[in-house]
């Protein structure tokens, strides 16, 4: 792990702690109706701009192994938790079904790609998965915004811990990682298409 990668890891941890503190103090619950979705978009754009403007951050993003980035998407199996909350009346069916199943499919795709053998089809599958993953995140944020505007309080579960980490931390990081992979595109080295081995 390079110094840039270590800095990126520290940044992610500090960001996660800040998101946890925001959840503890109920930051999202105190924002205007569309404040949370707008904040998510701002965080995604801000992190993307930082990667382009800050040298060490850009270097870290460009040199992360594809398998490491794919591993970061495995927490999207959290979608099953959305479905569990919906079954108990704690999340609207529209959000839970769209975000829940979308995240489960995206996580399953990431898991499959982690162990996908080297071959000409890997880059194509990765490209398709990237666009699906981005569309899933956009649909989830859009649905949450729509529900916040039309049914105030219906997605309050997302404003409380532990789910407040999803809009404030996980979604911006994952969305940015999709853009990073898409930007790298054909620059993905064949060696990175080898089966994922923890620690490599």
N, C-alpha and C. Protein backbone atom coordinates (compact mmCIF):
# COMPACT_ATOMS: atom_id res chain seq x y z
N UNK A 1 0.85 -1.20 0.00
CA UNK A 1 0.00 0.00 0.00
C UNK A 1 0.88 1.24 0.00
N UNK A 2 0.63 2.13 -0.93
CA UNK A 2 1.42 3.35 -1.04
C UNK A 2 0.97 4.39 0.00
N UNK A 3 1.76 5.46 0.10
CA UNK A 3 1.39 6.53 1.03
C UNK A 3 0.07 7.16 0.63
N UNK A 4 -0.15 7.31 -0.68
CA UNK A 4 -1.41 7.89 -1.15
C UNK A 4 -2.59 7.00 -0.76
N UNK A 5 -2.41 5.69 -0.85
CA UNK A 5 -3.49 4.77 -0.47
C UNK A 5 -3.76 4.85 1.03
N UNK A 6 -2.70 4.98 1.82
CA UNK A 6 -2.89 5.11 3.27
C UNK A 6 -3.64 6.39 3.61
N UNK A 7 -3.31 7.46 2.92
CA UNK A 7 -4.02 8.73 3.14
C UNK A 7 -5.50 8.58 2.77
N UNK A 8 -5.76 7.89 1.67
CA UNK A 8 -7.14 7.68 1.25
C UNK A 8 -7.90 6.87 2.29
N UNK A 9 -7.27 5.85 2.84
CA UNK A 9 -7.90 5.04 3.87
C UNK A 9 -8.23 5.89 5.10
N UNK A 10 -7.29 6.74 5.51
CA UNK A 10 -7.52 7.62 6.65
C UNK A 10 -8.68 8.57 6.36
N UNK A 11 -8.71 9.12 5.13
CA UNK A 11 -9.79 10.02 4.75
C UNK A 11 -11.13 9.33 4.83
N UNK A 12 -11.22 8.09 4.36
CA UNK A 12 -12.47 7.35 4.40
C UNK A 12 -12.92 7.08 5.83
N UNK A 13 -11.95 6.78 6.71
CA UNK A 13 -12.29 6.52 8.11
C UNK A 13 -12.78 7.79 8.79
N UNK A 14 -12.07 8.91 8.56
CA UNK A 14 -12.47 10.19 9.16
C UNK A 14 -13.84 10.61 8.64
N UNK A 15 -14.06 10.43 7.35
CA UNK A 15 -15.35 10.75 6.74
C UNK A 15 -16.46 9.89 7.37
N UNK A 16 -16.17 8.61 7.55
CA UNK A 16 -17.16 7.73 8.18
C UNK A 16 -17.48 8.15 9.61
N UNK A 17 -16.45 8.56 10.35
CA UNK A 17 -16.67 9.02 11.72
C UNK A 17 -17.49 10.31 11.75
N UNK A 18 -17.20 11.21 10.80
CA UNK A 18 -17.96 12.45 10.72
C UNK A 18 -19.43 12.16 10.39
N UNK A 19 -19.67 11.19 9.48
CA UNK A 19 -21.04 10.82 9.13
C UNK A 19 -21.75 10.20 10.32
N UNK A 20 -21.00 9.43 11.11
CA UNK A 20 -21.57 8.83 12.32
C UNK A 20 -21.97 9.92 13.32
N UNK A 21 -21.10 10.91 13.48
CA UNK A 21 -21.40 12.02 14.39
C UNK A 21 -22.62 12.80 13.91
N UNK A 22 -22.71 13.00 12.58
CA UNK A 22 -23.86 13.70 12.02
C UNK A 22 -25.15 12.94 12.29
N UNK A 23 -25.07 11.61 12.20
CA UNK A 23 -26.24 10.79 12.51
C UNK A 23 -26.60 10.85 13.97
N UNK A 24 -25.60 10.87 14.82
CA UNK A 24 -25.83 10.92 16.26
C UNK A 24 -26.55 12.21 16.66
N UNK A 25 -26.21 13.31 15.97
CA UNK A 25 -26.83 14.59 16.28
C UNK A 25 -28.06 14.88 15.42
N UNK A 26 -28.46 13.92 14.59
CA UNK A 26 -29.68 14.07 13.81
C UNK A 26 -29.61 15.14 12.74
N UNK A 27 -28.44 15.27 12.09
CA UNK A 27 -28.26 16.32 11.09
C UNK A 27 -29.28 16.21 9.95
N UNK A 28 -29.46 15.02 9.39
CA UNK A 28 -30.36 14.87 8.25
C UNK A 28 -31.81 15.17 8.63
N UNK A 29 -32.19 14.80 9.85
CA UNK A 29 -33.56 15.04 10.28
C UNK A 29 -33.89 16.50 10.44
N UNK A 30 -32.88 17.35 10.57
CA UNK A 30 -33.10 18.78 10.75
C UNK A 30 -33.04 19.56 9.45
N UNK A 31 -32.72 18.88 8.35
CA UNK A 31 -32.58 19.57 7.07
C UNK A 31 -33.94 19.73 6.40
N UNK A 32 -34.05 20.67 5.45
CA UNK A 32 -35.29 20.82 4.68
C UNK A 32 -35.63 19.53 3.94
N UNK A 33 -36.82 19.45 3.38
CA UNK A 33 -37.28 18.21 2.75
C UNK A 33 -36.29 17.62 1.76
N UNK A 34 -35.80 18.43 0.85
CA UNK A 34 -34.89 17.94 -0.18
C UNK A 34 -33.43 18.19 0.18
N UNK A 35 -33.18 18.56 1.42
CA UNK A 35 -31.82 18.87 1.83
C UNK A 35 -30.89 17.68 1.75
N UNK A 36 -31.37 16.51 2.21
CA UNK A 36 -30.52 15.32 2.24
C UNK A 36 -30.12 14.87 0.83
N UNK A 37 -31.07 14.73 -0.12
CA UNK A 37 -30.66 14.34 -1.48
C UNK A 37 -29.69 15.33 -2.12
N UNK A 38 -29.94 16.62 -1.89
CA UNK A 38 -29.04 17.63 -2.44
C UNK A 38 -27.66 17.48 -1.82
N UNK A 39 -27.60 17.20 -0.52
CA UNK A 39 -26.31 17.02 0.16
C UNK A 39 -25.56 15.83 -0.42
N UNK A 40 -26.27 14.75 -0.72
CA UNK A 40 -25.63 13.57 -1.31
C UNK A 40 -24.99 13.93 -2.64
N UNK A 41 -25.73 14.65 -3.49
CA UNK A 41 -25.20 15.06 -4.79
C UNK A 41 -23.98 15.96 -4.62
N UNK A 42 -24.04 16.87 -3.66
CA UNK A 42 -22.91 17.77 -3.40
C UNK A 42 -21.69 16.98 -2.96
N UNK A 43 -21.90 15.98 -2.11
CA UNK A 43 -20.78 15.16 -1.64
C UNK A 43 -20.14 14.38 -2.78
N UNK A 44 -20.98 13.84 -3.67
CA UNK A 44 -20.44 13.10 -4.82
C UNK A 44 -19.62 14.02 -5.72
N UNK A 45 -20.21 15.18 -6.04
CA UNK A 45 -19.50 16.12 -6.91
C UNK A 45 -18.24 16.63 -6.24
N UNK A 46 -18.35 16.95 -4.95
CA UNK A 46 -17.20 17.47 -4.23
C UNK A 46 -16.05 16.48 -4.16
N UNK A 47 -16.38 15.20 -3.92
CA UNK A 47 -15.33 14.18 -3.85
C UNK A 47 -14.71 13.97 -5.23
N UNK A 48 -15.54 14.02 -6.27
CA UNK A 48 -15.01 13.88 -7.63
C UNK A 48 -14.07 15.01 -8.00
N UNK A 49 -14.45 16.23 -7.64
CA UNK A 49 -13.60 17.39 -7.91
C UNK A 49 -12.29 17.28 -7.12
N UNK A 50 -12.38 16.81 -5.87
CA UNK A 50 -11.18 16.66 -5.04
C UNK A 50 -10.22 15.66 -5.66
N UNK A 51 -10.75 14.58 -6.23
CA UNK A 51 -9.89 13.58 -6.87
C UNK A 51 -9.16 14.19 -8.07
N UNK A 52 -9.83 15.08 -8.78
CA UNK A 52 -9.21 15.71 -9.94
C UNK A 52 -8.22 16.81 -9.56
N UNK A 53 -8.46 17.47 -8.43
CA UNK A 53 -7.66 18.64 -8.08
C UNK A 53 -6.54 18.36 -7.08
N UNK A 54 -6.72 17.35 -6.23
CA UNK A 54 -5.71 17.06 -5.20
C UNK A 54 -4.83 15.92 -5.71
N UNK A 55 -3.55 16.20 -5.85
CA UNK A 55 -2.63 15.27 -6.52
C UNK A 55 -2.60 13.89 -5.88
N UNK A 56 -2.39 13.84 -4.56
CA UNK A 56 -2.25 12.52 -3.92
C UNK A 56 -3.55 11.73 -3.96
N UNK A 57 -4.68 12.45 -3.88
CA UNK A 57 -5.97 11.78 -3.92
C UNK A 57 -6.23 11.21 -5.32
N UNK A 58 -5.88 11.98 -6.34
CA UNK A 58 -6.02 11.49 -7.71
C UNK A 58 -5.13 10.30 -7.97
N UNK A 59 -3.90 10.35 -7.45
CA UNK A 59 -2.97 9.24 -7.63
C UNK A 59 -3.50 7.98 -6.96
N UNK A 60 -4.07 8.14 -5.77
CA UNK A 60 -4.62 6.99 -5.05
C UNK A 60 -5.77 6.36 -5.82
N UNK A 61 -6.66 7.20 -6.35
CA UNK A 61 -7.82 6.70 -7.09
C UNK A 61 -7.40 6.00 -8.38
N UNK A 62 -6.40 6.55 -9.05
CA UNK A 62 -5.98 5.97 -10.33
C UNK A 62 -5.24 4.65 -10.17
N UNK A 63 -4.65 4.43 -9.02
CA UNK A 63 -3.81 3.24 -8.84
C UNK A 63 -4.45 2.17 -7.95
N UNK A 64 -5.65 2.41 -7.48
CA UNK A 64 -6.34 1.37 -6.72
C UNK A 64 -6.62 0.18 -7.62
N UNK A 65 -6.35 -1.01 -7.12
CA UNK A 65 -6.68 -2.20 -7.90
C UNK A 65 -8.18 -2.29 -8.10
N UNK A 66 -8.57 -2.73 -9.28
CA UNK A 66 -10.00 -2.86 -9.58
C UNK A 66 -10.67 -3.77 -8.56
N UNK A 67 -9.97 -4.83 -8.15
CA UNK A 67 -10.55 -5.78 -7.20
C UNK A 67 -10.81 -5.13 -5.84
N UNK A 68 -9.96 -4.18 -5.45
CA UNK A 68 -10.19 -3.48 -4.19
C UNK A 68 -11.47 -2.65 -4.28
N UNK A 69 -11.65 -1.99 -5.41
CA UNK A 69 -12.84 -1.16 -5.59
C UNK A 69 -14.10 -2.03 -5.60
N UNK A 70 -14.02 -3.16 -6.28
CA UNK A 70 -15.16 -4.08 -6.30
C UNK A 70 -15.50 -4.56 -4.90
N UNK A 71 -14.49 -4.82 -4.10
CA UNK A 71 -14.72 -5.28 -2.72
C UNK A 71 -15.48 -4.24 -1.91
N UNK A 72 -15.25 -2.96 -2.22
CA UNK A 72 -15.92 -1.89 -1.48
C UNK A 72 -17.42 -1.88 -1.75
N UNK A 73 -17.87 -2.57 -2.80
CA UNK A 73 -19.30 -2.59 -3.13
C UNK A 73 -20.04 -3.77 -2.50
N UNK A 74 -19.33 -4.65 -1.82
CA UNK A 74 -20.00 -5.78 -1.18
C UNK A 74 -20.96 -5.35 -0.07
N UNK A 75 -20.70 -4.23 0.65
CA UNK A 75 -21.68 -3.78 1.64
C UNK A 75 -23.05 -3.44 1.05
N UNK A 76 -23.17 -3.44 -0.27
CA UNK A 76 -24.48 -3.16 -0.87
C UNK A 76 -25.46 -4.32 -0.66
N UNK A 77 -24.99 -5.42 -0.11
CA UNK A 77 -25.92 -6.46 0.34
C UNK A 77 -26.81 -5.93 1.46
N UNK A 78 -26.48 -4.72 1.94
CA UNK A 78 -27.34 -4.01 2.88
C UNK A 78 -28.75 -3.87 2.34
N UNK A 79 -28.91 -4.02 1.04
CA UNK A 79 -30.23 -3.96 0.44
C UNK A 79 -31.21 -4.93 1.07
N UNK A 80 -30.72 -6.06 1.55
CA UNK A 80 -31.59 -7.01 2.23
C UNK A 80 -32.17 -6.39 3.50
N UNK A 81 -31.38 -5.51 4.14
CA UNK A 81 -31.86 -4.83 5.36
C UNK A 81 -32.98 -3.86 5.02
N UNK A 82 -32.86 -3.18 3.87
CA UNK A 82 -33.95 -2.31 3.42
C UNK A 82 -35.25 -3.10 3.28
N UNK A 83 -35.15 -4.27 2.68
CA UNK A 83 -36.33 -5.11 2.47
C UNK A 83 -36.90 -5.60 3.81
N UNK A 84 -36.03 -5.88 4.76
CA UNK A 84 -36.45 -6.31 6.10
C UNK A 84 -37.20 -5.18 6.79
N UNK A 85 -36.67 -3.94 6.67
CA UNK A 85 -37.33 -2.78 7.27
C UNK A 85 -38.69 -2.53 6.61
N UNK A 86 -38.76 -2.72 5.30
CA UNK A 86 -40.03 -2.52 4.60
C UNK A 86 -41.07 -3.53 5.07
N UNK A 87 -40.63 -4.77 5.30
CA UNK A 87 -41.56 -5.80 5.75
C UNK A 87 -42.13 -5.47 7.13
N UNK A 88 -41.42 -4.63 7.89
CA UNK A 88 -41.88 -4.24 9.22
C UNK A 88 -42.49 -2.85 9.24
N UNK A 89 -42.73 -2.30 8.06
CA UNK A 89 -43.40 -1.01 7.96
C UNK A 89 -42.54 0.18 8.31
N UNK A 90 -41.21 0.01 8.30
CA UNK A 90 -40.33 1.09 8.69
C UNK A 90 -39.72 1.84 7.50
N UNK A 91 -39.90 1.31 6.30
CA UNK A 91 -39.49 1.99 5.07
C UNK A 91 -40.58 1.83 4.03
N UNK A 92 -40.82 2.84 3.21
CA UNK A 92 -41.83 2.73 2.15
C UNK A 92 -41.45 1.64 1.15
N UNK A 93 -42.46 0.97 0.62
CA UNK A 93 -42.21 -0.12 -0.32
C UNK A 93 -41.49 0.38 -1.56
N UNK A 94 -41.80 1.61 -2.01
CA UNK A 94 -41.17 2.13 -3.21
C UNK A 94 -39.65 2.23 -3.05
N UNK A 95 -39.22 2.75 -1.90
CA UNK A 95 -37.78 2.89 -1.68
C UNK A 95 -37.13 1.53 -1.44
N UNK A 96 -37.71 0.73 -0.57
CA UNK A 96 -37.10 -0.55 -0.20
C UNK A 96 -36.97 -1.48 -1.40
N UNK A 97 -38.01 -1.55 -2.24
CA UNK A 97 -37.96 -2.46 -3.38
C UNK A 97 -36.95 -1.99 -4.42
N UNK A 98 -36.93 -0.69 -4.68
CA UNK A 98 -36.01 -0.19 -5.71
C UNK A 98 -34.56 -0.20 -5.23
N UNK A 99 -34.33 0.45 -4.09
CA UNK A 99 -32.96 0.52 -3.58
C UNK A 99 -32.48 -0.83 -3.06
N UNK A 100 -33.39 -1.57 -2.41
CA UNK A 100 -33.01 -2.84 -1.82
C UNK A 100 -32.56 -3.85 -2.86
N UNK A 101 -33.45 -4.15 -3.82
CA UNK A 101 -33.10 -5.15 -4.83
C UNK A 101 -31.99 -4.65 -5.75
N UNK A 102 -31.99 -3.35 -6.05
CA UNK A 102 -30.92 -2.80 -6.88
C UNK A 102 -29.56 -2.98 -6.24
N UNK A 103 -29.48 -2.71 -4.93
CA UNK A 103 -28.21 -2.87 -4.23
C UNK A 103 -27.79 -4.34 -4.15
N UNK A 104 -28.74 -5.22 -3.93
CA UNK A 104 -28.42 -6.65 -3.85
C UNK A 104 -27.87 -7.14 -5.19
N UNK A 105 -28.49 -6.71 -6.28
CA UNK A 105 -28.00 -7.11 -7.61
C UNK A 105 -26.61 -6.54 -7.86
N UNK A 106 -26.40 -5.27 -7.48
CA UNK A 106 -25.09 -4.64 -7.68
C UNK A 106 -24.02 -5.35 -6.85
N UNK A 107 -24.35 -5.70 -5.62
CA UNK A 107 -23.39 -6.40 -4.76
C UNK A 107 -23.09 -7.79 -5.31
N UNK A 108 -24.12 -8.47 -5.81
CA UNK A 108 -23.91 -9.79 -6.39
C UNK A 108 -23.02 -9.70 -7.63
N UNK A 109 -23.23 -8.66 -8.44
CA UNK A 109 -22.38 -8.45 -9.60
C UNK A 109 -20.94 -8.19 -9.21
N UNK A 110 -20.74 -7.39 -8.16
CA UNK A 110 -19.38 -7.11 -7.70
C UNK A 110 -18.71 -8.38 -7.21
N UNK A 111 -19.46 -9.21 -6.50
CA UNK A 111 -18.91 -10.47 -5.99
C UNK A 111 -18.52 -11.39 -7.14
N UNK A 112 -19.38 -11.46 -8.16
CA UNK A 112 -19.08 -12.31 -9.32
C UNK A 112 -17.84 -11.81 -10.05
N UNK A 113 -17.71 -10.49 -10.20
CA UNK A 113 -16.55 -9.93 -10.89
C UNK A 113 -15.26 -10.14 -10.11
N UNK A 114 -15.37 -10.19 -8.78
CA UNK A 114 -14.18 -10.41 -7.97
C UNK A 114 -13.49 -11.72 -8.34
N UNK A 115 -14.28 -12.71 -8.67
CA UNK A 115 -13.74 -14.04 -8.96
C UNK A 115 -13.81 -14.38 -10.44
N UNK A 116 -14.14 -13.39 -11.25
CA UNK A 116 -14.20 -13.61 -12.70
C UNK A 116 -12.79 -13.82 -13.23
N UNK A 117 -12.55 -14.91 -13.95
CA UNK A 117 -11.20 -15.18 -14.46
C UNK A 117 -10.80 -14.17 -15.53
N UNK A 118 -9.51 -14.06 -15.72
CA UNK A 118 -8.99 -13.16 -16.75
C UNK A 118 -9.52 -13.59 -18.11
N UNK A 119 -9.92 -12.62 -18.89
CA UNK A 119 -10.44 -12.94 -20.22
C UNK A 119 -10.98 -11.70 -20.88
N UNK A 120 -11.27 -11.78 -22.16
CA UNK A 120 -11.74 -10.59 -22.91
C UNK A 120 -13.09 -10.09 -22.43
N UNK A 121 -13.87 -10.92 -21.75
CA UNK A 121 -15.20 -10.49 -21.33
C UNK A 121 -15.22 -9.71 -20.04
N UNK A 122 -14.10 -9.69 -19.31
CA UNK A 122 -14.09 -9.04 -18.00
C UNK A 122 -14.37 -7.55 -18.10
N UNK A 123 -13.65 -6.87 -19.00
CA UNK A 123 -13.81 -5.41 -19.13
C UNK A 123 -15.23 -5.06 -19.53
N UNK A 124 -15.83 -5.83 -20.43
CA UNK A 124 -17.20 -5.56 -20.84
C UNK A 124 -18.19 -5.74 -19.71
N UNK A 125 -18.02 -6.81 -18.92
CA UNK A 125 -18.90 -7.05 -17.77
C UNK A 125 -18.74 -5.95 -16.74
N UNK A 126 -17.49 -5.52 -16.52
CA UNK A 126 -17.22 -4.45 -15.57
C UNK A 126 -17.89 -3.16 -16.01
N UNK A 127 -17.85 -2.87 -17.31
CA UNK A 127 -18.47 -1.67 -17.87
C UNK A 127 -19.98 -1.69 -17.63
N UNK A 128 -20.62 -2.80 -17.94
CA UNK A 128 -22.07 -2.91 -17.76
C UNK A 128 -22.44 -2.82 -16.28
N UNK A 129 -21.65 -3.48 -15.44
CA UNK A 129 -21.93 -3.44 -13.99
C UNK A 129 -21.81 -2.01 -13.46
N UNK A 130 -20.81 -1.28 -13.96
CA UNK A 130 -20.62 0.11 -13.52
C UNK A 130 -21.86 0.95 -13.79
N UNK A 131 -22.39 0.85 -15.00
CA UNK A 131 -23.55 1.66 -15.34
C UNK A 131 -24.79 1.22 -14.56
N UNK A 132 -24.92 -0.09 -14.34
CA UNK A 132 -26.05 -0.54 -13.53
C UNK A 132 -25.91 -0.01 -12.11
N UNK A 133 -24.71 -0.11 -11.54
CA UNK A 133 -24.50 0.35 -10.17
C UNK A 133 -24.77 1.82 -10.01
N UNK A 134 -24.35 2.63 -10.98
CA UNK A 134 -24.63 4.07 -10.93
C UNK A 134 -26.12 4.34 -11.04
N UNK A 135 -26.79 3.63 -11.96
CA UNK A 135 -28.23 3.82 -12.13
C UNK A 135 -28.97 3.46 -10.85
N UNK A 136 -28.53 2.41 -10.17
CA UNK A 136 -29.16 1.99 -8.92
C UNK A 136 -29.03 3.07 -7.85
N UNK A 137 -27.84 3.64 -7.73
CA UNK A 137 -27.64 4.70 -6.73
C UNK A 137 -28.47 5.93 -7.06
N UNK A 138 -28.50 6.29 -8.35
CA UNK A 138 -29.30 7.45 -8.77
C UNK A 138 -30.78 7.21 -8.50
N UNK A 139 -31.26 5.99 -8.77
CA UNK A 139 -32.67 5.67 -8.53
C UNK A 139 -32.99 5.73 -7.04
N UNK A 140 -32.08 5.23 -6.21
CA UNK A 140 -32.30 5.25 -4.76
C UNK A 140 -32.37 6.67 -4.23
N UNK A 141 -31.42 7.52 -4.65
CA UNK A 141 -31.41 8.91 -4.19
C UNK A 141 -32.64 9.64 -4.72
N UNK A 142 -32.98 9.41 -5.99
CA UNK A 142 -34.15 10.05 -6.57
C UNK A 142 -35.45 9.64 -5.90
N UNK A 143 -35.57 8.35 -5.58
CA UNK A 143 -36.76 7.86 -4.90
C UNK A 143 -36.88 8.45 -3.50
N UNK A 144 -35.75 8.53 -2.79
CA UNK A 144 -35.74 9.12 -1.45
C UNK A 144 -36.15 10.59 -1.52
N UNK A 145 -35.66 11.30 -2.54
CA UNK A 145 -36.02 12.72 -2.71
C UNK A 145 -37.51 12.87 -2.98
N UNK A 146 -38.03 12.02 -3.86
CA UNK A 146 -39.46 12.06 -4.20
C UNK A 146 -40.33 11.77 -2.97
N UNK A 147 -39.95 10.77 -2.20
CA UNK A 147 -40.72 10.43 -1.00
C UNK A 147 -40.63 11.53 0.06
N UNK A 148 -39.46 12.14 0.18
CA UNK A 148 -39.31 13.24 1.14
C UNK A 148 -40.20 14.41 0.78
N UNK A 149 -40.35 14.65 -0.54
CA UNK A 149 -41.16 15.78 -0.98
C UNK A 149 -42.66 15.50 -0.91
N UNK A 150 -43.05 14.26 -1.19
CA UNK A 150 -44.48 13.93 -1.27
C UNK A 150 -45.03 13.30 0.00
N UNK A 151 -44.16 12.63 0.75
CA UNK A 151 -44.59 11.99 1.99
C UNK A 151 -43.57 12.29 3.09
N UNK A 152 -43.58 13.49 3.60
CA UNK A 152 -42.60 13.88 4.63
C UNK A 152 -42.58 12.88 5.79
N UNK A 153 -41.37 12.51 6.17
CA UNK A 153 -41.20 11.60 7.29
C UNK A 153 -41.19 10.13 6.92
N UNK A 154 -41.51 9.81 5.65
CA UNK A 154 -41.60 8.40 5.26
C UNK A 154 -40.25 7.69 5.20
N UNK A 155 -39.18 8.46 5.00
CA UNK A 155 -37.84 7.84 4.95
C UNK A 155 -36.97 8.32 6.11
N UNK A 156 -37.61 8.63 7.23
CA UNK A 156 -36.87 9.09 8.40
C UNK A 156 -35.86 8.07 8.89
N UNK A 157 -36.08 6.80 8.56
CA UNK A 157 -35.15 5.74 8.97
C UNK A 157 -33.74 6.03 8.45
N UNK A 158 -33.67 6.69 7.28
CA UNK A 158 -32.37 7.01 6.68
C UNK A 158 -31.67 8.16 7.40
N UNK A 159 -32.41 8.86 8.25
CA UNK A 159 -31.82 9.99 8.99
C UNK A 159 -31.31 9.55 10.35
N UNK A 160 -31.44 8.26 10.66
CA UNK A 160 -31.01 7.75 11.96
C UNK A 160 -29.92 6.71 11.78
N UNK A 161 -29.06 6.60 12.77
CA UNK A 161 -28.03 5.57 12.75
C UNK A 161 -28.68 4.20 12.82
N UNK A 162 -28.14 3.20 12.14
CA UNK A 162 -26.91 3.24 11.34
C UNK A 162 -27.12 3.68 9.89
N UNK A 163 -28.37 3.80 9.43
CA UNK A 163 -28.61 4.04 8.02
C UNK A 163 -28.20 5.43 7.56
N UNK A 164 -27.99 6.37 8.49
CA UNK A 164 -27.53 7.70 8.06
C UNK A 164 -26.16 7.62 7.39
N UNK A 165 -25.41 6.54 7.66
CA UNK A 165 -24.12 6.35 7.01
C UNK A 165 -24.28 6.08 5.52
N UNK A 166 -25.44 5.61 5.11
CA UNK A 166 -25.65 5.30 3.68
C UNK A 166 -25.62 6.57 2.84
N UNK A 167 -26.49 7.57 3.10
CA UNK A 167 -26.44 8.77 2.26
C UNK A 167 -25.23 9.66 2.50
N UNK A 168 -24.73 9.69 3.72
CA UNK A 168 -23.65 10.63 4.05
C UNK A 168 -22.26 10.08 3.76
N UNK A 169 -22.13 8.78 3.62
CA UNK A 169 -20.79 8.18 3.47
C UNK A 169 -20.73 7.15 2.35
N UNK A 170 -21.57 6.13 2.45
CA UNK A 170 -21.46 5.01 1.51
C UNK A 170 -21.83 5.40 0.08
N UNK A 171 -22.96 6.08 -0.11
CA UNK A 171 -23.38 6.44 -1.47
C UNK A 171 -22.36 7.35 -2.17
N UNK A 172 -21.87 8.42 -1.53
CA UNK A 172 -20.87 9.26 -2.22
C UNK A 172 -19.61 8.49 -2.59
N UNK A 173 -19.12 7.63 -1.69
CA UNK A 173 -17.91 6.86 -1.98
C UNK A 173 -18.14 5.88 -3.13
N UNK A 174 -19.26 5.17 -3.09
CA UNK A 174 -19.53 4.16 -4.12
C UNK A 174 -19.79 4.81 -5.48
N UNK A 175 -20.56 5.90 -5.48
CA UNK A 175 -20.83 6.59 -6.75
C UNK A 175 -19.54 7.10 -7.37
N UNK A 176 -18.68 7.68 -6.54
CA UNK A 176 -17.41 8.18 -7.06
C UNK A 176 -16.55 7.05 -7.58
N UNK A 177 -16.58 5.90 -6.92
CA UNK A 177 -15.78 4.76 -7.37
C UNK A 177 -16.26 4.28 -8.75
N UNK A 178 -17.56 4.35 -9.00
CA UNK A 178 -18.07 4.00 -10.33
C UNK A 178 -17.48 4.94 -11.38
N UNK A 179 -17.49 6.24 -11.08
CA UNK A 179 -16.94 7.20 -12.03
C UNK A 179 -15.45 6.98 -12.25
N UNK A 180 -14.73 6.62 -11.18
CA UNK A 180 -13.30 6.35 -11.29
C UNK A 180 -13.06 5.18 -12.23
N UNK A 181 -13.82 4.10 -12.06
CA UNK A 181 -13.65 2.93 -12.93
C UNK A 181 -14.01 3.25 -14.37
N UNK A 182 -15.08 4.01 -14.57
CA UNK A 182 -15.47 4.37 -15.93
C UNK A 182 -14.42 5.25 -16.59
N UNK A 183 -13.82 6.14 -15.81
CA UNK A 183 -12.79 7.03 -16.35
C UNK A 183 -11.54 6.24 -16.73
N UNK A 184 -11.24 5.21 -15.97
CA UNK A 184 -10.06 4.40 -16.28
C UNK A 184 -10.30 3.53 -17.50
N UNK A 185 -11.52 3.03 -17.65
CA UNK A 185 -11.93 2.29 -18.84
C UNK A 185 -10.91 1.30 -19.35
N UNK A 186 -10.45 1.55 -20.54
CA UNK A 186 -9.54 0.63 -21.22
C UNK A 186 -8.16 0.59 -20.58
N UNK A 187 -7.91 1.50 -19.61
CA UNK A 187 -6.60 1.52 -18.97
C UNK A 187 -6.44 0.40 -17.95
N UNK A 188 -7.53 -0.36 -17.70
CA UNK A 188 -7.45 -1.47 -16.76
C UNK A 188 -6.42 -2.47 -17.27
N UNK A 189 -5.44 -2.79 -16.46
CA UNK A 189 -4.38 -3.70 -16.87
C UNK A 189 -4.85 -5.14 -16.79
N UNK A 190 -4.40 -6.00 -17.69
CA UNK A 190 -4.79 -7.41 -17.65
C UNK A 190 -4.47 -8.07 -16.32
N UNK A 191 -3.38 -7.66 -15.69
CA UNK A 191 -2.99 -8.27 -14.41
C UNK A 191 -4.05 -8.05 -13.36
N UNK A 192 -4.82 -6.96 -13.49
CA UNK A 192 -5.84 -6.67 -12.51
C UNK A 192 -7.07 -7.56 -12.71
N UNK A 193 -7.08 -8.32 -13.80
CA UNK A 193 -8.21 -9.19 -14.07
C UNK A 193 -8.01 -10.59 -13.50
N UNK A 194 -6.91 -10.79 -12.76
CA UNK A 194 -6.67 -12.08 -12.14
C UNK A 194 -7.62 -12.26 -10.96
N UNK A 195 -7.93 -13.50 -10.57
CA UNK A 195 -8.83 -13.71 -9.43
C UNK A 195 -8.36 -12.97 -8.20
N UNK A 196 -9.29 -12.39 -7.48
CA UNK A 196 -8.96 -11.57 -6.31
C UNK A 196 -8.40 -12.43 -5.20
N UNK A 197 -7.29 -11.99 -4.65
CA UNK A 197 -6.69 -12.67 -3.50
C UNK A 197 -6.53 -11.64 -2.41
N UNK A 198 -7.17 -11.81 -1.24
CA UNK A 198 -7.05 -10.83 -0.16
C UNK A 198 -5.60 -10.51 0.15
N UNK A 199 -5.32 -9.23 0.28
CA UNK A 199 -3.97 -8.81 0.65
C UNK A 199 -3.11 -8.46 -0.53
N UNK A 200 -3.54 -8.81 -1.78
CA UNK A 200 -2.72 -8.48 -2.94
C UNK A 200 -2.88 -7.03 -3.34
